[in-house]
C-alpha atoms as a PDB file:
ATOM      1  CA  MET A   1      93.071  78.171  77.813  1.00  0.00           C
ATOM      2  CA  ILE A   2      94.770  78.968  81.007  1.00  0.00           C
ATOM      3  CA  SER A   3      95.067  75.824  83.241  1.00  0.00           C
ATOM      4  CA  GLY A   4      95.285  76.101  87.297  1.00  0.00           C
ATOM      5  CA  SER A   5      98.391  75.828  87.491  1.00  0.00           C
ATOM      6  CA  GLU A   6      99.820  77.962  84.774  1.00  0.00           C
ATOM      7  CA  GLY A   7      97.137  80.503  85.983  1.00  0.00           C
ATOM      8  CA  LYS A   8      99.200  80.989  89.802  1.00  0.00           C
ATOM      9  CA  MET A   9     102.419  80.852  88.070  1.00  0.00           C
ATOM     10  CA  SER A  10     101.489  83.734  86.974  1.00  0.00           C
ATOM     11  CA  LEU A  11      99.642  85.340  89.924  1.00  0.00           C
ATOM     12  CA  ALA A  12     102.580  84.881  91.112  1.00  0.00           C
ATOM     13  CA  ARG A  13     104.925  85.562  89.603  1.00  0.00           C
ATOM     14  CA  PHE A  14     103.215  89.515  88.684  1.00  0.00           C
ATOM     15  CA  SER A  15     103.068  89.498  92.867  1.00  0.00           C
ATOM     16  CA  ILE A  16     106.703  89.191  93.140  1.00  0.00           C
ATOM     17  CA  SER A  17     107.140  91.403  89.697  1.00  0.00           C
ATOM     18  CA  LEU A  18     104.789  93.947  91.618  1.00  0.00           C
ATOM     19  CA  PHE A  19     106.814  94.155  94.979  1.00  0.00           C
ATOM     20  CA  GLY A  20     109.879  94.127  93.511  1.00  0.00           C
ATOM     21  CA  VAL A  21     109.170  97.611  92.220  1.00  0.00           C
ATOM     22  CA  VAL A  22     106.985  98.750  94.638  1.00  0.00           C
ATOM     23  CA  ALA A  23     110.406  97.621  97.724  1.00  0.00           C
ATOM     24  CA  LEU A  24     112.192  99.820  93.965  1.00  0.00           C
ATOM     25  CA  ILE A  25     110.533 102.683  94.610  1.00  0.00           C
ATOM     26  CA  ALA A  26     110.554 102.639  98.290  1.00  0.00           C
ATOM     27  CA  ALA A  27     114.260 102.517  98.792  1.00  0.00           C
ATOM     28  CA  THR A  28     114.318 105.136  96.094  1.00  0.00           C
ATOM     29  CA  LEU A  29     112.677 107.097  98.201  1.00  0.00           C
ATOM     30  CA  ALA A  30     113.800 106.279 101.450  1.00  0.00           C
ATOM     31  CA  ALA A  31     117.940 106.949 100.527  1.00  0.00           C
ATOM     32  CA  ALA A  32     116.088 110.370  98.610  1.00  0.00           C
ATOM     33  CA  THR A  33     114.714 111.196 102.139  1.00  0.00           C
ATOM     34  CA  ILE A  34     118.266 110.376 103.555  1.00  0.00           C
ATOM     35  CA  TRP A  35     119.934 112.676 101.068  1.00  0.00           C
ATOM     36  CA  LEU A  36     118.392 115.358 101.593  1.00  0.00           C
ATOM     37  CA  PHE A  37     118.280 115.230 105.490  1.00  0.00           C
ATOM     38  CA  LEU A  38     121.887 115.469 104.978  1.00  0.00           C
ATOM     39  CA  THR A  39     122.694 118.174 102.757  1.00  0.00           C
ATOM     40  CA  ASP A  40     119.539 120.641 102.770  1.00  0.00           C
ATOM     41  CA  PRO A  41     118.381 119.379 107.413  1.00  0.00           C
ATOM     42  CA  VAL A  42     116.603 123.728 106.986  1.00  0.00           C
ATOM     43  CA  THR A  43     113.931 122.371 104.229  1.00  0.00           C
ATOM     44  CA  VAL A  44     113.654 119.274 106.266  1.00  0.00           C
ATOM     45  CA  ALA A  45     113.147 120.992 109.456  1.00  0.00           C
ATOM     46  CA  ASP A  46     110.382 123.648 108.131  1.00  0.00           C
ATOM     47  CA  ALA A  47     108.640 120.952 106.583  1.00  0.00           C
ATOM     48  CA  VAL A  48     108.383 119.114 109.962  1.00  0.00           C
ATOM     49  CA  LYS A  49     107.779 122.133 112.117  1.00  0.00           C
ATOM     50  CA  ASP A  50     105.063 123.664 109.736  1.00  0.00           C
ATOM     51  CA  GLY A  51     103.512 120.240 108.840  1.00  0.00           C
ATOM     52  CA  LYS A  52     103.616 121.396 104.751  1.00  0.00           C
ATOM     53  CA  VAL A  53     105.300 118.468 102.672  1.00  0.00           C
ATOM     54  CA  THR A  54     105.253 121.038  99.630  1.00  0.00           C
ATOM     55  CA  PRO A  55     108.961 122.047 100.042  1.00  0.00           C
ATOM     56  CA  LEU A  56     109.627 118.606 101.556  1.00  0.00           C
ATOM     57  CA  VAL A  57     108.369 117.142  98.297  1.00  0.00           C
ATOM     58  CA  GLN A  58     109.431 119.377  96.194  1.00  0.00           C
ATOM     59  CA  ALA A  59     112.966 118.497  97.321  1.00  0.00           C
ATOM     60  CA  LEU A  60     112.746 114.758  96.792  1.00  0.00           C
ATOM     61  CA  ALA A  61     111.918 116.059  93.474  1.00  0.00           C
ATOM     62  CA  GLY A  62     115.020 117.740  93.388  1.00  0.00           C
ATOM     63  CA  VAL A  63     117.170 115.361  94.037  1.00  0.00           C
ATOM     64  CA  LEU A  64     116.434 112.487  91.935  1.00  0.00           C
ATOM     65  CA  TYR A  65     116.128 115.288  89.125  1.00  0.00           C
ATOM     66  CA  ASP A  66     119.197 115.629  89.357  1.00  0.00           C
ATOM     67  CA  ALA A  67     120.416 111.674  91.069  1.00  0.00           C
ATOM     68  CA  PHE A  68     118.856 110.785  87.501  1.00  0.00           C
ATOM     69  CA  ARG A  69     120.504 113.182  85.157  1.00  0.00           C
ATOM     70  CA  GLY A  70     124.095 112.698  86.603  1.00  0.00           C
ATOM     71  CA  ILE A  71     122.467 108.722  85.931  1.00  0.00           C
ATOM     72  CA  LEU A  72     121.892 109.321  82.085  1.00  0.00           C
ATOM     73  CA  LYS A  73     125.925 111.416  82.289  1.00  0.00           C
ATOM     74  CA  TYR A  74     127.123 108.073  82.322  1.00  0.00           C
ATOM     75  CA  ILE A  75     125.040 105.932  79.760  1.00  0.00           C
END
């Protein structure tokens, strides 16, 4: 059986790990959005103007895919 302090420690580690994963995902999406804004401003402007996020999401997915593929070249 897990005692009270061990359970609290496990929950604290899980919380920190979860926060780290969420922060990493948010930072990655923010960097990809900035990169997309600098490299393809027309797509970003059209998405903002029309209020449609589909082209923006597709472009972000393409940027992330290209970055991931580039990283895998070096591994």
